[in-house]
Amino acid sequence: MEKKYKIAIVIGIILVLILGAIVVYLVLANRALNNDLANKSVTVTATVTKSATKTATKTSTVTATETETQAETQFSKNDEELIKKALAEKYGQAVENLTVTIDKTSQNAASGGVLISGEQGGGWFVTVREGAGWIIIADGNGAIECAIMDQYSVPNTVVAECTDFDTGEVKIR
């Protein structure tokens, strides 16, 4: 009778170890996937002409569909559309599947929130103007890294608070 208990205990321990290994693997795989998504950068370039057309290439170039003549430094409805397209491309979604809210803007930077249809929750993003287009420099659900905000000279009116990832200190900008 004692042998049966020992065998049952050994089998139980083996099952717990297997389940633990599966959980650790899934957590690490999810973390790696999140890091891959966070490190992707999409460049969107706008070229506004009288007969503008929409094209997308593997290099993430999108030509504006509007024929506005806006000053390059003013934030416009066209900029909003280009940011939506950059987010859609980054997440592999159609623009129609995204709800994008642009909360704060400056001449060369913007921040806001993005929600993918059918998913719970959403995330934040920070984008900066590059030429006539926009690049997503940071996005996610966690802390905003100060080093990235400093690297791209994002004004404190667009991102007021960030975290120094080296020290873990939250900074008011």
Protein backbone atom coordinates (compact mmCIF):
# COMPACT_ATOMS: atom_id res chain seq x y z
CA MET A 1 0.00 0.00 0.00
CA GLU A 2 2.89 2.36 0.73
CA LYS A 3 4.26 1.81 -2.79
CA LYS A 4 1.00 3.07 -4.32
CA TYR A 5 1.17 6.28 -2.27
CA LYS A 6 4.80 6.84 -3.22
CA ILE A 7 4.01 6.33 -6.91
CA ALA A 8 1.03 8.69 -6.67
CA ILE A 9 3.17 11.34 -4.95
CA VAL A 10 5.94 11.00 -7.56
CA ILE A 11 3.40 11.28 -10.41
CA GLY A 12 1.84 14.33 -8.71
CA ILE A 13 5.23 16.02 -8.34
CA ILE A 14 6.07 15.31 -11.99
CA LEU A 15 2.74 16.81 -13.12
CA VAL A 16 3.29 19.93 -11.00
CA LEU A 17 6.78 20.36 -12.48
CA ILE A 18 5.48 19.95 -16.03
CA LEU A 19 2.69 22.48 -15.44
CA GLY A 20 5.16 24.90 -13.87
CA ALA A 21 7.49 24.58 -16.85
CA ILE A 22 4.60 25.27 -19.23
CA VAL A 23 3.59 28.38 -17.29
CA VAL A 24 7.18 29.70 -17.23
CA TYR A 25 7.51 29.06 -20.98
CA LEU A 26 4.26 30.91 -21.75
CA VAL A 27 5.23 33.89 -19.59
CA LEU A 28 8.65 34.16 -21.23
CA ALA A 29 7.20 33.75 -24.75
CA ASN A 30 4.63 36.48 -24.04
CA ARG A 31 7.33 38.79 -22.69
CA ALA A 32 9.46 38.21 -25.81
CA LEU A 33 6.48 38.91 -28.08
CA ASN A 34 5.68 42.13 -26.21
CA ASN A 35 9.32 43.24 -26.49
CA ASP A 36 9.29 42.51 -30.24
CA LEU A 37 6.13 44.61 -30.69
CA ALA A 38 7.49 47.43 -28.55
CA ASN A 39 10.74 47.55 -30.52
CA LYS A 40 9.07 47.74 -33.95
CA SER A 41 9.17 51.18 -35.48
CA VAL A 42 7.03 52.17 -38.42
CA THR A 43 7.81 55.15 -40.62
CA VAL A 44 4.96 56.80 -42.48
CA THR A 45 5.79 59.38 -45.11
CA ALA A 46 3.26 61.75 -46.62
CA THR A 47 3.54 63.24 -50.04
CA VAL A 48 0.75 65.64 -50.84
CA THR A 49 0.10 66.36 -54.49
CA LYS A 50 -2.86 67.42 -56.59
CA SER A 51 -3.56 63.80 -57.50
CA ALA A 52 -2.41 61.99 -54.39
CA THR A 53 -2.79 58.22 -54.32
CA LYS A 54 -2.57 55.68 -51.53
CA THR A 55 0.28 53.18 -51.68
CA ALA A 56 1.88 51.00 -49.05
CA THR A 57 5.18 49.19 -49.38
CA LYS A 58 7.25 46.94 -47.17
CA THR A 59 9.22 50.00 -46.10
CA SER A 60 6.03 51.42 -44.56
CA THR A 61 5.63 54.32 -46.95
CA VAL A 62 2.11 55.71 -47.16
CA THR A 63 1.17 58.52 -49.50
CA ALA A 64 -1.49 60.92 -48.22
CA THR A 65 -4.95 60.72 -49.76
CA GLU A 66 -5.88 64.31 -48.94
CA THR A 67 -4.90 67.26 -51.10
CA GLU A 68 -4.44 69.71 -48.26
CA THR A 69 -1.68 72.30 -48.36
CA GLN A 70 -0.73 72.43 -44.68
CA ALA A 71 2.41 73.88 -43.20
CA GLU A 72 4.73 71.03 -42.23
CA THR A 73 4.90 72.12 -38.60
CA GLN A 74 1.15 72.37 -37.91
CA PHE A 75 -0.72 69.35 -36.59
CA SER A 76 -3.56 68.62 -38.98
CA LYS A 77 -6.32 66.13 -39.72
CA ASN A 78 -3.93 64.67 -42.31
CA ASP A 79 -1.35 64.06 -39.55
CA GLU A 80 -4.02 62.28 -37.51
CA GLU A 81 -4.79 59.98 -40.45
CA LEU A 82 -1.09 59.25 -41.01
CA ILE A 83 -0.66 58.36 -37.33
CA LYS A 84 -3.66 56.00 -37.54
CA LYS A 85 -2.12 54.33 -40.61
CA ALA A 86 1.24 53.95 -38.84
CA LEU A 87 -0.46 52.30 -35.85
CA ALA A 88 -2.53 50.04 -38.10
CA GLU A 89 0.59 48.91 -39.94
CA LYS A 90 2.53 48.36 -36.71
CA TYR A 91 -0.22 46.14 -35.29
CA GLY A 92 -1.03 44.43 -38.59
CA GLN A 93 -4.60 45.73 -38.53
CA ALA A 94 -6.87 47.65 -40.87
CA VAL A 95 -7.35 51.30 -39.89
CA GLU A 96 -11.07 50.53 -39.47
CA ASN A 97 -10.21 48.03 -36.70
CA LEU A 98 -8.53 50.70 -34.56
CA THR A 99 -9.97 53.33 -32.29
CA VAL A 100 -7.28 55.99 -31.99
CA THR A 101 -7.49 58.95 -29.65
CA ILE A 102 -4.86 61.65 -30.00
CA ASP A 103 -4.79 63.44 -26.66
CA LYS A 104 -1.78 65.75 -26.82
CA THR A 105 0.01 67.28 -29.77
CA SER A 106 2.83 69.64 -30.56
CA GLN A 107 4.37 70.65 -33.85
CA ASN A 108 6.46 67.48 -34.01
CA ALA A 109 5.02 65.00 -31.51
CA ALA A 110 1.73 63.47 -30.40
CA SER A 111 0.50 61.01 -27.80
CA GLY A 112 -2.73 59.20 -27.20
CA GLY A 113 -4.46 55.87 -26.91
CA VAL A 114 -5.21 53.01 -29.26
CA LEU A 115 -7.73 50.16 -29.01
CA ILE A 116 -7.97 47.22 -31.41
CA SER A 117 -11.54 46.10 -32.17
CA GLY A 118 -12.44 42.88 -30.39
CA GLU A 119 -9.72 43.20 -27.78
CA GLN A 120 -10.18 44.28 -24.20
CA GLY A 121 -8.24 47.24 -22.95
CA GLY A 122 -5.92 49.27 -25.07
CA GLY A 123 -2.61 51.02 -24.86
CA TRP A 124 -0.84 54.34 -25.21
CA PHE A 125 1.45 55.51 -27.96
CA VAL A 126 3.92 58.33 -28.59
CA THR A 127 4.74 59.40 -32.13
CA VAL A 128 7.04 61.99 -33.64
CA ARG A 129 7.11 63.73 -37.01
CA GLU A 130 9.81 62.51 -39.36
CA GLY A 131 9.92 64.54 -42.54
CA ALA A 132 6.34 64.71 -43.81
CA GLY A 133 5.39 61.51 -41.94
CA TRP A 134 5.19 60.08 -38.43
CA ILE A 135 6.98 57.26 -36.61
CA ILE A 136 5.71 55.42 -33.54
CA ILE A 137 8.58 55.68 -31.04
CA ALA A 138 6.89 54.06 -28.04
CA ASP A 139 3.69 52.22 -27.23
CA GLY A 140 2.29 49.80 -24.69
CA ASN A 141 0.51 49.58 -21.37
CA GLY A 142 3.33 50.22 -18.94
CA ALA A 143 5.75 52.99 -18.18
CA ILE A 144 7.04 55.44 -20.77
CA GLU A 145 10.84 55.36 -21.01
CA CYS A 146 12.51 58.76 -20.45
CA ALA A 147 15.53 57.89 -22.61
CA ILE A 148 13.30 57.47 -25.68
CA MET A 149 11.45 60.73 -24.98
CA ASP A 150 14.80 62.53 -24.63
CA GLN A 151 16.26 60.86 -27.73
CA TYR A 152 13.40 62.20 -29.88
CA SER A 153 13.04 65.53 -28.00
CA VAL A 154 9.40 64.89 -27.15
CA PRO A 155 8.15 68.00 -25.32
CA ASN A 156 6.78 67.75 -21.79
CA THR A 157 3.45 69.09 -23.08
CA VAL A 158 3.04 65.80 -24.99
CA VAL A 159 4.55 63.44 -22.36
CA ALA A 160 4.65 65.00 -18.91
CA GLU A 161 5.88 61.98 -16.94
CA CYS A 162 8.24 59.14 -17.75
CA THR A 163 10.36 56.48 -16.06
CA ASP A 164 14.14 56.23 -15.98
CA PHE A 165 14.51 52.52 -16.72
CA ASP A 166 18.03 52.45 -15.29
CA THR A 167 16.94 53.66 -11.83
CA GLY A 168 13.21 52.93 -11.89
CA GLU A 169 12.60 56.57 -10.92
CA VAL A 170 9.46 58.28 -12.23
CA LYS A 171 10.30 61.75 -13.50
CA ILE A 172 8.13 64.78 -14.05
CA ARG A 173 9.40 66.40 -17.25
